[in-house]
Amino acid sequence: TQKKDTINCKITKDKAEYIHFVFKHKDEVRNTLISRKDVL
């Protein structure tokens, strides 16, 4: 991310404005997205 956070994930959709991805946080699997402008 632009804040230099590193996310180990599986990208499920690579869209023009958003990147959809799945990641694991504290043994919980989460499905979310992030705006491209927030991605370094």
PDB file of all heavy atoms in Angstrom:
ATOM      1  N   THR A   1       0.830  -1.204   0.000  1.00  0.00           N
ATOM      2  CA  THR A   1       0.000   0.000   0.000  1.00  0.00           C
ATOM      3  C   THR A   1       0.865   1.256   0.000  1.00  0.00           C
ATOM      4  O   THR A   1       2.090   1.205   0.205  1.00  0.00           O
ATOM      5  CB  THR A   1      -0.925   0.016   1.221  1.00  0.00           C
ATOM      6  OG1 THR A   1      -0.127   0.212   2.403  1.00  0.00           O
ATOM      7  CG2 THR A   1      -1.689  -1.292   1.337  1.00  0.00           C
ATOM      8  N   GLN A   2       0.211   2.397  -0.204  1.00  0.00           N
ATOM      9  CA  GLN A   2       0.907   3.683  -0.171  1.00  0.00           C
ATOM     10  C   GLN A   2       1.493   3.968   1.213  1.00  0.00           C
ATOM     11  O   GLN A   2       2.460   4.730   1.347  1.00  0.00           O
ATOM     12  CB  GLN A   2      -0.065   4.807  -0.570  1.00  0.00           C
ATOM     13  CG  GLN A   2      -0.539   4.755  -2.021  1.00  0.00           C
ATOM     14  CD  GLN A   2       0.538   5.165  -3.005  1.00  0.00           C
ATOM     15  OE1 GLN A   2       1.653   5.553  -2.612  1.00  0.00           O
ATOM     16  NE2 GLN A   2       0.231   5.068  -4.290  1.00  0.00           N
ATOM     17  N   LYS A   3       0.919   3.305   2.251  1.00  0.00           N
ATOM     18  CA  LYS A   3       1.434   3.468   3.612  1.00  0.00           C
ATOM     19  C   LYS A   3       2.546   2.469   3.919  1.00  0.00           C
ATOM     20  O   LYS A   3       2.958   2.312   5.061  1.00  0.00           O
ATOM     21  CB  LYS A   3       0.297   3.297   4.615  1.00  0.00           C
ATOM     22  CG  LYS A   3      -0.781   4.364   4.498  1.00  0.00           C
ATOM     23  CD  LYS A   3      -1.878   4.137   5.526  1.00  0.00           C
ATOM     24  CE  LYS A   3      -2.955   5.203   5.423  1.00  0.00           C
ATOM     25  NZ  LYS A   3      -4.036   5.000   6.423  1.00  0.00           N
ATOM     26  N   LYS A   4       3.013   1.768   2.895  1.00  0.00           N
ATOM     27  CA  LYS A   4       4.117   0.796   2.980  1.00  0.00           C
ATOM     28  C   LYS A   4       3.731  -0.474   3.739  1.00  0.00           C
ATOM     29  O   LYS A   4       4.602  -1.199   4.229  1.00  0.00           O
ATOM     30  CB  LYS A   4       5.356   1.443   3.638  1.00  0.00           C
ATOM     31  CG  LYS A   4       5.826   2.729   2.958  1.00  0.00           C
ATOM     32  CD  LYS A   4       6.210   2.524   1.520  1.00  0.00           C
ATOM     33  CE  LYS A   4       6.854   3.772   0.915  1.00  0.00           C
ATOM     34  NZ  LYS A   4       5.981   4.952   0.903  1.00  0.00           N
ATOM     35  N   ASP A   5       2.413  -0.764   3.834  1.00  0.00           N
ATOM     36  CA  ASP A   5       1.968  -2.023   4.414  1.00  0.00           C
ATOM     37  C   ASP A   5       2.040  -3.112   3.354  1.00  0.00           C
ATOM     38  O   ASP A   5       1.643  -2.903   2.207  1.00  0.00           O
ATOM     39  CB  ASP A   5       0.534  -1.904   4.933  1.00  0.00           C
ATOM     40  CG  ASP A   5       0.426  -0.937   6.103  1.00  0.00           C
ATOM     41  OD1 ASP A   5       1.373  -0.887   6.904  1.00  0.00           O
ATOM     42  OD2 ASP A   5      -0.603  -0.238   6.201  1.00  0.00           O
ATOM     43  N   THR A   6       2.535  -4.289   3.741  1.00  0.00           N
ATOM     44  CA  THR A   6       2.657  -5.420   2.822  1.00  0.00           C
ATOM     45  C   THR A   6       1.560  -6.431   3.107  1.00  0.00           C
ATOM     46  O   THR A   6       1.367  -6.844   4.248  1.00  0.00           O
ATOM     47  CB  THR A   6       4.030  -6.096   2.969  1.00  0.00           C
ATOM     48  OG1 THR A   6       5.056  -5.138   2.666  1.00  0.00           O
ATOM     49  CG2 THR A   6       4.158  -7.281   2.005  1.00  0.00           C
ATOM     50  N   ILE A   7       0.842  -6.832   2.072  1.00  0.00           N
ATOM     51  CA  ILE A   7      -0.270  -7.779   2.210  1.00  0.00           C
ATOM     52  C   ILE A   7       0.039  -9.025   1.395  1.00  0.00           C
ATOM     53  O   ILE A   7       0.192  -8.962   0.175  1.00  0.00           O
ATOM     54  CB  ILE A   7      -1.598  -7.155   1.739  1.00  0.00           C
ATOM     55  CG1 ILE A   7      -1.880  -5.838   2.453  1.00  0.00           C
ATOM     56  CG2 ILE A   7      -2.745  -8.135   1.953  1.00  0.00           C
ATOM     57  CD1 ILE A   7      -3.091  -5.093   1.926  1.00  0.00           C
ATOM     58  N   ASN A   8       0.155 -10.147   2.100  1.00  0.00           N
ATOM     59  CA  ASN A   8       0.329 -11.448   1.464  1.00  0.00           C
ATOM     60  C   ASN A   8      -1.072 -11.986   1.178  1.00  0.00           C
ATOM     61  O   ASN A   8      -1.831 -12.261   2.098  1.00  0.00           O
ATOM     62  CB  ASN A   8       1.085 -12.376   2.416  1.00  0.00           C
ATOM     63  CG  ASN A   8       1.433 -13.706   1.771  1.00  0.00           C
ATOM     64  OD1 ASN A   8       0.748 -14.149   0.854  1.00  0.00           O
ATOM     65  ND2 ASN A   8       2.485 -14.331   2.255  1.00  0.00           N
ATOM     66  N   CYS A   9      -1.438 -12.128  -0.094  1.00  0.00           N
ATOM     67  CA  CYS A   9      -2.843 -12.362  -0.427  1.00  0.00           C
ATOM     68  C   CYS A   9      -2.981 -13.165  -1.720  1.00  0.00           C
ATOM     69  O   CYS A   9      -1.991 -13.553  -2.336  1.00  0.00           O
ATOM     70  CB  CYS A   9      -3.578 -11.031  -0.579  1.00  0.00           C
ATOM     71  SG  CYS A   9      -2.921 -10.023  -1.933  1.00  0.00           S
ATOM     72  N   LYS A  10      -4.232 -13.379  -2.101  1.00  0.00           N
ATOM     73  CA  LYS A  10      -4.565 -13.963  -3.393  1.00  0.00           C
ATOM     74  C   LYS A  10      -5.501 -12.992  -4.101  1.00  0.00           C
ATOM     75  O   LYS A  10      -6.626 -12.752  -3.657  1.00  0.00           O
ATOM     76  CB  LYS A  10      -5.248 -15.328  -3.219  1.00  0.00           C
ATOM     77  CG  LYS A  10      -5.481 -16.056  -4.539  1.00  0.00           C
ATOM     78  CD  LYS A  10      -4.168 -16.448  -5.191  1.00  0.00           C
ATOM     79  CE  LYS A  10      -4.386 -17.202  -6.496  1.00  0.00           C
ATOM     80  NZ  LYS A  10      -3.087 -17.549  -7.138  1.00  0.00           N
ATOM     81  N   ILE A  11      -5.039 -12.406  -5.203  1.00  0.00           N
ATOM     82  CA  ILE A  11      -5.844 -11.453  -5.962  1.00  0.00           C
ATOM     83  C   ILE A  11      -6.887 -12.217  -6.770  1.00  0.00           C
ATOM     84  O   ILE A  11      -6.552 -13.102  -7.563  1.00  0.00           O
ATOM     85  CB  ILE A  11      -4.958 -10.594  -6.883  1.00  0.00           C
ATOM     86  CG1 ILE A  11      -4.013  -9.727  -6.030  1.00  0.00           C
ATOM     87  CG2 ILE A  11      -5.815  -9.716  -7.794  1.00  0.00           C
ATOM     88  CD1 ILE A  11      -2.995  -8.935  -6.832  1.00  0.00           C
ATOM     89  N   THR A  12      -8.156 -11.870  -6.551  1.00  0.00           N
ATOM     90  CA  THR A  12      -9.247 -12.573  -7.243  1.00  0.00           C
ATOM     91  C   THR A  12      -9.779 -11.799  -8.445  1.00  0.00           C
ATOM     92  O   THR A  12     -10.253 -12.399  -9.403  1.00  0.00           O
ATOM     93  CB  THR A  12     -10.405 -12.842  -6.273  1.00  0.00           C
ATOM     94  OG1 THR A  12     -10.827 -11.606  -5.676  1.00  0.00           O
ATOM     95  CG2 THR A  12      -9.967 -13.804  -5.169  1.00  0.00           C
ATOM     96  N   LYS A  13      -9.719 -10.466  -8.388  1.00  0.00           N
ATOM     97  CA  LYS A  13     -10.147  -9.647  -9.520  1.00  0.00           C
ATOM     98  C   LYS A  13      -9.241  -8.429  -9.626  1.00  0.00           C
ATOM     99  O   LYS A  13      -8.959  -7.770  -8.616  1.00  0.00           O
ATOM    100  CB  LYS A  13     -11.604  -9.195  -9.350  1.00  0.00           C
ATOM    101  CG  LYS A  13     -12.625 -10.298  -9.505  1.00  0.00           C
ATOM    102  CD  LYS A  13     -14.025  -9.737  -9.380  1.00  0.00           C
ATOM    103  CE  LYS A  13     -15.068 -10.842  -9.464  1.00  0.00           C
ATOM    104  NZ  LYS A  13     -16.439 -10.297  -9.318  1.00  0.00           N
ATOM    105  N   ASP A  14      -8.827  -8.127 -10.847  1.00  0.00           N
ATOM    106  CA  ASP A  14      -7.954  -6.980 -11.105  1.00  0.00           C
ATOM    107  C   ASP A  14      -8.717  -6.014 -11.998  1.00  0.00           C
ATOM    108  O   ASP A  14      -8.681  -6.104 -13.227  1.00  0.00           O
ATOM    109  CB  ASP A  14      -6.664  -7.467 -11.788  1.00  0.00           C
ATOM    110  CG  ASP A  14      -5.613  -6.372 -11.851  1.00  0.00           C
ATOM    111  OD1 ASP A  14      -5.909  -5.248 -11.410  1.00  0.00           O
ATOM    112  OD2 ASP A  14      -4.513  -6.635 -12.359  1.00  0.00           O
ATOM    113  N   LYS A  15      -9.451  -5.090 -11.369  1.00  0.00           N
ATOM    114  CA  LYS A  15     -10.311  -4.165 -12.103  1.00  0.00           C
ATOM    115  C   LYS A  15      -9.600  -2.832 -12.332  1.00  0.00           C
ATOM    116  O   LYS A  15      -8.509  -2.582 -11.808  1.00  0.00           O
ATOM    117  CB  LYS A  15     -11.614  -3.930 -11.329  1.00  0.00           C
ATOM    118  CG  LYS A  15     -12.447  -5.190 -11.121  1.00  0.00           C
ATOM    119  CD  LYS A  15     -13.082  -5.638 -12.409  1.00  0.00           C
ATOM    120  CE  LYS A  15     -14.058  -6.777 -12.177  1.00  0.00           C
ATOM    121  NZ  LYS A  15     -14.743  -7.190 -13.417  1.00  0.00           N
ATOM    122  N   ALA A  16     -10.244  -1.969 -13.123  1.00  0.00           N
ATOM    123  CA  ALA A  16      -9.646  -0.684 -13.471  1.00  0.00           C
ATOM    124  C   ALA A  16      -9.482   0.219 -12.260  1.00  0.00           C
ATOM    125  O   ALA A  16      -8.482   0.929 -12.135  1.00  0.00           O
ATOM    126  CB  ALA A  16     -10.497   0.012 -14.537  1.00  0.00           C
ATOM    127  N   GLU A  17     -10.460   0.194 -11.314  1.00  0.00           N
ATOM    128  CA  GLU A  17     -10.412   1.085 -10.162  1.00  0.00           C
ATOM    129  C   GLU A  17     -10.093   0.375  -8.857  1.00  0.00           C
ATOM    130  O   GLU A  17      -9.585   1.002  -7.922  1.00  0.00           O
ATOM    131  CB  GLU A  17     -11.747   1.822 -10.019  1.00  0.00           C
ATOM    132  CG  GLU A  17     -12.065   2.730 -11.207  1.00  0.00           C
ATOM    133  CD  GLU A  17     -13.357   3.485 -11.012  1.00  0.00           C
ATOM    134  OE1 GLU A  17     -13.988   3.300  -9.950  1.00  0.00           O
ATOM    135  OE2 GLU A  17     -13.740   4.259 -11.907  1.00  0.00           O
ATOM    136  N   TYR A  18     -10.385  -0.929  -8.786  1.00  0.00           N
ATOM    137  CA  TYR A  18     -10.192  -1.661  -7.533  1.00  0.00           C
ATOM    138  C   TYR A  18      -9.492  -2.993  -7.790  1.00  0.00           C
ATOM    139  O   TYR A  18      -9.621  -3.583  -8.867  1.00  0.00           O
ATOM    140  CB  TYR A  18     -11.534  -1.931  -6.840  1.00  0.00           C
ATOM    141  CG  TYR A  18     -12.236  -0.685  -6.359  1.00  0.00           C
ATOM    142  CD1 TYR A  18     -13.197  -0.072  -7.161  1.00  0.00           C
ATOM    143  CD2 TYR A  18     -11.945  -0.121  -5.125  1.00  0.00           C
ATOM    144  CE1 TYR A  18     -13.857   1.072  -6.732  1.00  0.00           C
ATOM    145  CE2 TYR A  18     -12.593   1.013  -4.687  1.00  0.00           C
ATOM    146  CZ  TYR A  18     -13.542   1.614  -5.490  1.00  0.00           C
ATOM    147  OH  TYR A  18     -14.174   2.750  -5.063  1.00  0.00           O
ATOM    148  N   ILE A  19      -8.771  -3.457  -6.763  1.00  0.00           N
ATOM    149  CA  ILE A  19      -8.180  -4.798  -6.768  1.00  0.00           C
ATOM    150  C   ILE A  19      -8.882  -5.599  -5.675  1.00  0.00           C
ATOM    151  O   ILE A  19      -8.882  -5.208  -4.506  1.00  0.00           O
ATOM    152  CB  ILE A  19      -6.667  -4.749  -6.502  1.00  0.00           C
ATOM    153  CG1 ILE A  19      -5.960  -3.968  -7.614  1.00  0.00           C
ATOM    154  CG2 ILE A  19      -6.092  -6.161  -6.408  1.00  0.00           C
ATOM    155  CD1 ILE A  19      -4.469  -3.769  -7.359  1.00  0.00           C
ATOM    156  N   HIS A  20      -9.538  -6.693  -6.059  1.00  0.00           N
ATOM    157  CA  HIS A  20     -10.214  -7.566  -5.107  1.00  0.00           C
ATOM    158  C   HIS A  20      -9.233  -8.667  -4.692  1.00  0.00           C
ATOM    159  O   HIS A  20      -8.555  -9.254  -5.543  1.00  0.00           O
ATOM    160  CB  HIS A  20     -11.453  -8.196  -5.750  1.00  0.00           C
ATOM    161  CG  HIS A  20     -12.478  -7.199  -6.203  1.00  0.00           C
ATOM    162  ND1 HIS A  20     -13.690  -7.044  -5.585  1.00  0.00           N
ATOM    163  CD2 HIS A  20     -12.456  -6.290  -7.219  1.00  0.00           C
ATOM    164  CE1 HIS A  20     -14.384  -6.092  -6.196  1.00  0.00           C
ATOM    165  NE2 HIS A  20     -13.656  -5.620  -7.200  1.00  0.00           N
ATOM    166  N   PHE A  21      -9.190  -8.964  -3.379  1.00  0.00           N
ATOM    167  CA  PHE A  21      -8.235  -9.975  -2.933  1.00  0.00           C
ATOM    168  C   PHE A  21      -8.729 -10.665  -1.661  1.00  0.00           C
ATOM    169  O   PHE A  21      -9.607 -10.172  -0.955  1.00  0.00           O
ATOM    170  CB  PHE A  21      -6.847  -9.358  -2.701  1.00  0.00           C
ATOM    171  CG  PHE A  21      -6.805  -8.315  -1.612  1.00  0.00           C
ATOM    172  CD1 PHE A  21      -6.454  -8.641  -0.300  1.00  0.00           C
ATOM    173  CD2 PHE A  21      -7.095  -6.986  -1.899  1.00  0.00           C
ATOM    174  CE1 PHE A  21      -6.408  -7.682   0.697  1.00  0.00           C
ATOM    175  CE2 PHE A  21      -7.058  -6.016  -0.909  1.00  0.00           C
ATOM    176  CZ  PHE A  21      -6.710  -6.358   0.391  1.00  0.00           C
ATOM    177  N   VAL A  22      -8.139 -11.843  -1.395  1.00  0.00           N
ATOM    178  CA  VAL A  22      -8.423 -12.632  -0.207  1.00  0.00           C
ATOM    179  C   VAL A  22      -7.130 -12.733   0.598  1.00  0.00           C
ATOM    180  O   VAL A  22      -6.056 -12.968   0.033  1.00  0.00           O
ATOM    181  CB  VAL A  22      -8.927 -14.037  -0.584  1.00  0.00           C
ATOM    182  CG1 VAL A  22      -9.151 -14.883   0.660  1.00  0.00           C
ATOM    183  CG2 VAL A  22     -10.215 -13.934  -1.395  1.00  0.00           C
ATOM    184  N   PHE A  23      -7.236 -12.562   1.916  1.00  0.00           N
ATOM    185  CA  PHE A  23      -6.041 -12.691   2.756  1.00  0.00           C
ATOM    186  C   PHE A  23      -6.436 -13.268   4.112  1.00  0.00           C
ATOM    187  O   PHE A  23      -7.625 -13.325   4.459  1.00  0.00           O
ATOM    188  CB  PHE A  23      -5.337 -11.337   2.925  1.00  0.00           C
ATOM    189  CG  PHE A  23      -6.067 -10.363   3.810  1.00  0.00           C
ATOM    190  CD1 PHE A  23      -5.600 -10.052   5.067  1.00  0.00           C
ATOM    191  CD2 PHE A  23      -7.233  -9.739   3.367  1.00  0.00           C
ATOM    192  CE1 PHE A  23      -6.259  -9.155   5.889  1.00  0.00           C
ATOM    193  CE2 PHE A  23      -7.911  -8.834   4.179  1.00  0.00           C
ATOM    194  CZ  PHE A  23      -7.418  -8.542   5.437  1.00  0.00           C
ATOM    195  N   LYS A  24      -5.457 -13.699   4.866  1.00  0.00           N
ATOM    196  CA  LYS A  24      -5.705 -14.292   6.167  1.00  0.00           C
ATOM    197  C   LYS A  24      -5.159 -13.361   7.244  1.00  0.00           C
ATOM    198  O   LYS A  24      -3.999 -12.934   7.194  1.00  0.00           O
ATOM    199  CB  LYS A  24      -5.052 -15.671   6.268  1.00  0.00           C
ATOM    200  CG  LYS A  24      -5.339 -16.400   7.576  1.00  0.00           C
ATOM    201  CD  LYS A  24      -4.811 -17.824   7.559  1.00  0.00           C
ATOM    202  CE  LYS A  24      -5.713 -18.724   6.749  1.00  0.00           C
ATOM    203  NZ  LYS A  24      -5.324 -20.161   6.893  1.00  0.00           N
ATOM    204  N   HIS A  25      -6.009 -13.056   8.238  1.00  0.00           N
ATOM    205  CA  HIS A  25      -5.622 -12.192   9.351  1.00  0.00           C
ATOM    206  C   HIS A  25      -6.040 -12.857  10.655  1.00  0.00           C
ATOM    207  O   HIS A  25      -7.237 -13.053  10.901  1.00  0.00           O
ATOM    208  CB  HIS A  25      -6.290 -10.817   9.209  1.00  0.00           C
ATOM    209  CG  HIS A  25      -6.005  -9.882  10.345  1.00  0.00           C
ATOM    210  ND1 HIS A  25      -4.763  -9.318  10.533  1.00  0.00           N
ATOM    211  CD2 HIS A  25      -6.807  -9.420  11.345  1.00  0.00           C
ATOM    212  CE1 HIS A  25      -4.808  -8.544  11.604  1.00  0.00           C
ATOM    213  NE2 HIS A  25      -6.035  -8.591  12.120  1.00  0.00           N
ATOM    214  N   LYS A  26      -5.049 -13.218  11.476  1.00  0.00           N
ATOM    215  CA  LYS A  26      -5.296 -13.889  12.758  1.00  0.00           C
ATOM    216  C   LYS A  26      -6.185 -15.114  12.580  1.00  0.00           C
ATOM    217  O   LYS A  26      -7.215 -15.275  13.247  1.00  0.00           O
ATOM    218  CB  LYS A  26      -5.921 -12.905  13.756  1.00  0.00           C
ATOM    219  CG  LYS A  26      -5.016 -11.741  14.135  1.00  0.00           C
ATOM    220  CD  LYS A  26      -5.674 -10.822  15.143  1.00  0.00           C
ATOM    221  CE  LYS A  26      -4.757  -9.677  15.523  1.00  0.00           C
ATOM    222  NZ  LYS A  26      -5.393  -8.743  16.490  1.00  0.00           N
ATOM    223  N   ASP A  27      -5.813 -15.939  11.617  1.00  0.00           N
ATOM    224  CA  ASP A  27      -6.510 -17.197  11.301  1.00  0.00           C
ATOM    225  C   ASP A  27      -7.915 -16.988  10.737  1.00  0.00           C
ATOM    226  O   ASP A  27      -8.683 -17.943  10.605  1.00  0.00           O
ATOM    227  CB  ASP A  27      -6.601 -18.107  12.541  1.00  0.00           C
ATOM    228  CG  ASP A  27      -5.229 -18.583  12.988  1.00  0.00           C
ATOM    229  OD1 ASP A  27      -4.360 -18.768  12.104  1.00  0.00           O
ATOM    230  OD2 ASP A  27      -5.025 -18.757  14.194  1.00  0.00           O
ATOM    231  N   GLU A  28      -8.263 -15.746  10.410  1.00  0.00           N
ATOM    232  CA  GLU A  28      -9.564 -15.466   9.797  1.00  0.00           C
ATOM    233  C   GLU A  28      -9.363 -15.087   8.334  1.00  0.00           C
ATOM    234  O   GLU A  28      -8.564 -14.198   8.009  1.00  0.00           O
ATOM    235  CB  GLU A  28     -10.269 -14.322  10.529  1.00  0.00           C
ATOM    236  CG  GLU A  28     -11.624 -13.979   9.931  1.00  0.00           C
ATOM    237  CD  GLU A  28     -12.259 -12.761  10.586  1.00  0.00           C
ATOM    238  OE1 GLU A  28     -11.678 -12.250  11.571  1.00  0.00           O
ATOM    239  OE2 GLU A  28     -13.313 -12.321  10.090  1.00  0.00           O
ATOM    240  N   VAL A  29     -10.070 -15.767   7.441  1.00  0.00           N
ATOM    241  CA  VAL A  29      -9.964 -15.493   6.012  1.00  0.00           C
ATOM    242  C   VAL A  29     -10.930 -14.371   5.654  1.00  0.00           C
ATOM    243  O   VAL A  29     -12.118 -14.431   5.976  1.00  0.00           O
ATOM    244  CB  VAL A  29     -10.281 -16.752   5.183  1.00  0.00           C
ATOM    245  CG1 VAL A  29     -10.185 -16.444   3.701  1.00  0.00           C
ATOM    246  CG2 VAL A  29      -9.337 -17.879   5.560  1.00  0.00           C
ATOM    247  N   ARG A  30     -10.403 -13.332   4.998  1.00  0.00           N
ATOM    248  CA  ARG A  30     -11.217 -12.177   4.649  1.00  0.00           C
ATOM    249  C   ARG A  30     -11.178 -11.924   3.143  1.00  0.00           C
ATOM    250  O   ARG A  30     -10.147 -12.101   2.500  1.00  0.00           O
ATOM    251  CB  ARG A  30     -10.722 -10.928   5.392  1.00  0.00           C
ATOM    252  CG  ARG A  30     -10.798 -11.052   6.907  1.00  0.00           C
ATOM    253  CD  ARG A  30     -10.321  -9.786   7.590  1.00  0.00           C
ATOM    254  NE  ARG A  30     -10.394  -9.885   9.045  1.00  0.00           N
ATOM    255  CZ  ARG A  30     -10.024  -8.921   9.876  1.00  0.00           C
ATOM    256  NH1 ARG A  30      -9.561  -7.774   9.388  1.00  0.00           N
ATOM    257  NH2 ARG A  30     -10.108  -9.096  11.185  1.00  0.00           N
ATOM    258  N   ASN A  31     -12.302 -11.481   2.625  1.00  0.00           N
ATOM    259  CA  ASN A  31     -12.434 -11.140   1.213  1.00  0.00           C
ATOM    260  C   ASN A  31     -12.756  -9.660   1.119  1.00  0.00           C
ATOM    261  O   ASN A  31     -13.765  -9.200   1.641  1.00  0.00           O
ATOM    262  CB  ASN A  31     -13.560 -11.973   0.577  1.00  0.00           C
ATOM    263  CG  ASN A  31     -13.707 -11.682  -0.902  1.00  0.00           C
ATOM    264  OD1 ASN A  31     -12.806 -11.166  -1.540  1.00  0.00           O
ATOM    265  ND2 ASN A  31     -14.873 -11.997  -1.445  1.00  0.00           N
ATOM    266  N   THR A  32     -11.895  -8.860   0.471  1.00  0.00           N
ATOM    267  CA  THR A  32     -12.083  -7.413   0.442  1.00  0.00           C
ATOM    268  C   THR A  32     -11.535  -6.844  -0.862  1.00  0.00           C
ATOM    269  O   THR A  32     -11.190  -7.580  -1.788  1.00  0.00           O
ATOM    270  CB  THR A  32     -11.404  -6.776   1.673  1.00  0.00           C
ATOM    271  OG1 THR A  32     -11.727  -5.382   1.708  1.00  0.00           O
ATOM    272  CG2 THR A  32      -9.905  -6.959   1.625  1.00  0.00           C
ATOM    273  N   LEU A  33     -11.436  -5.520  -0.898  1.00  0.00           N
ATOM    274  CA  LEU A  33     -10.881  -4.856  -2.072  1.00  0.00           C
ATOM    275  C   LEU A  33     -10.141  -3.607  -1.626  1.00  0.00           C
ATOM    276  O   LEU A  33     -10.299  -3.127  -0.497  1.00  0.00           O
ATOM    277  CB  LEU A  33     -11.980  -4.519  -3.086  1.00  0.00           C
ATOM    278  CG  LEU A  33     -13.191  -3.702  -2.638  1.00  0.00           C
ATOM    279  CD1 LEU A  33     -12.904  -2.216  -2.591  1.00  0.00           C
ATOM    280  CD2 LEU A  33     -14.369  -3.948  -3.564  1.00  0.00           C
ATOM    281  N   ILE A  34      -9.344  -3.067  -2.522  1.00  0.00           N
ATOM    282  CA  ILE A  34      -8.577  -1.862  -2.240  1.00  0.00           C
ATOM    283  C   ILE A  34      -8.550  -1.000  -3.499  1.00  0.00           C
ATOM    284  O   ILE A  34      -8.476  -1.515  -4.619  1.00  0.00           O
ATOM    285  CB  ILE A  34      -7.139  -2.201  -1.776  1.00  0.00           C
ATOM    286  CG1 ILE A  34      -6.392  -0.929  -1.343  1.00  0.00           C
ATOM    287  CG2 ILE A  34      -6.363  -2.950  -2.852  1.00  0.00           C
ATOM    288  CD1 ILE A  34      -5.045  -1.197  -0.697  1.00  0.00           C
ATOM    289  N   SER A  35      -8.658   0.301  -3.312  1.00  0.00           N
ATOM    290  CA  SER A  35      -8.614   1.216  -4.441  1.00  0.00           C
ATOM    291  C   SER A  35      -7.205   1.255  -5.028  1.00  0.00           C
ATOM    292  O   SER A  35      -6.203   1.215  -4.296  1.00  0.00           O
ATOM    293  CB  SER A  35      -9.032   2.617  -3.998  1.00  0.00           C
ATOM    294  OG  SER A  35      -8.844   3.549  -5.029  1.00  0.00           O
ATOM    295  N   ARG A  36      -7.102   1.345  -6.324  1.00  0.00           N
ATOM    296  CA  ARG A  36      -5.784   1.370  -6.982  1.00  0.00           C
ATOM    297  C   ARG A  36      -4.955   2.586  -6.552  1.00  0.00           C
ATOM    298  O   ARG A  36      -3.729   2.520  -6.516  1.00  0.00           O
ATOM    299  CB  ARG A  36      -5.947   1.378  -8.502  1.00  0.00           C
ATOM    300  CG  ARG A  36      -6.222  -0.003  -9.094  1.00  0.00           C
ATOM    301  CD  ARG A  36      -6.194   0.053 -10.607  1.00  0.00           C
ATOM    302  NE  ARG A  36      -6.307  -1.264 -11.176  1.00  0.00           N
ATOM    303  CZ  ARG A  36      -5.283  -2.061 -11.437  1.00  0.00           C
ATOM    304  NH1 ARG A  36      -4.054  -1.651 -11.126  1.00  0.00           N
ATOM    305  NH2 ARG A  36      -5.458  -3.247 -11.967  1.00  0.00           N
ATOM    306  N   LYS A  37      -5.644   3.689  -6.218  1.00  0.00           N
ATOM    307  CA  LYS A  37      -4.896   4.877  -5.810  1.00  0.00           C
ATOM    308  C   LYS A  37      -4.208   4.679  -4.458  1.00  0.00           C
ATOM    309  O   LYS A  37      -3.307   5.443  -4.101  1.00  0.00           O
ATOM    310  CB  LYS A  37      -5.819   6.090  -5.760  1.00  0.00           C
ATOM    311  CG  LYS A  37      -6.905   6.021  -4.705  1.00  0.00           C
ATOM    312  CD  LYS A  37      -7.792   7.248  -4.760  1.00  0.00           C
ATOM    313  CE  LYS A  37      -8.864   7.193  -3.678  1.00  0.00           C
ATOM    314  NZ  LYS A  37      -9.766   8.382  -3.730  1.00  0.00           N
ATOM    315  N   ASP A  38      -4.643   3.648  -3.690  1.00  0.00           N
ATOM    316  CA  ASP A  38      -4.019   3.352  -2.402  1.00  0.00           C
ATOM    317  C   ASP A  38      -2.943   2.280  -2.519  1.00  0.00           C
ATOM    318  O   ASP A  38      -2.373   1.862  -1.514  1.00  0.00           O
ATOM    319  CB  ASP A  38      -5.080   2.895  -1.401  1.00  0.00           C
ATOM    320  CG  ASP A  38      -6.080   3.988  -1.085  1.00  0.00           C
ATOM    321  OD1 ASP A  38      -5.668   5.174  -1.085  1.00  0.00           O
ATOM    322  OD2 ASP A  38      -7.260   3.670  -0.849  1.00  0.00           O
ATOM    323  N   VAL A  39      -2.675   1.814  -3.744  1.00  0.00           N
ATOM    324  CA  VAL A  39      -1.694   0.741  -3.968  1.00  0.00           C
ATOM    325  C   VAL A  39      -0.409   1.322  -4.539  1.00  0.00           C
ATOM    326  O   VAL A  39      -0.417   2.017  -5.563  1.00  0.00           O
ATOM    327  CB  VAL A  39      -2.264  -0.329  -4.921  1.00  0.00           C
ATOM    328  CG1 VAL A  39      -1.197  -1.370  -5.246  1.00  0.00           C
ATOM    329  CG2 VAL A  39      -3.495  -0.987  -4.302  1.00  0.00           C
ATOM    330  N   LEU A  40       0.698   1.027  -3.875  1.00  0.00           N
ATOM    331  CA  LEU A  40       2.009   1.448  -4.360  1.00  0.00           C
ATOM    332  C   LEU A  40       2.573   0.436  -5.354  1.00  0.00           C
ATOM    333  O   LEU A  40       3.137   0.800  -6.390  1.00  0.00           O
ATOM    334  CB  LEU A  40       2.975   1.617  -3.178  1.00  0.00           C
ATOM    335  CG  LEU A  40       4.411   2.019  -3.526  1.00  0.00           C
ATOM    336  CD1 LEU A  40       4.442   3.414  -4.149  1.00  0.00           C
ATOM    337  CD2 LEU A  40       5.285   1.981  -2.276  1.00  0.00           C
TER     338      LEU A  40
END
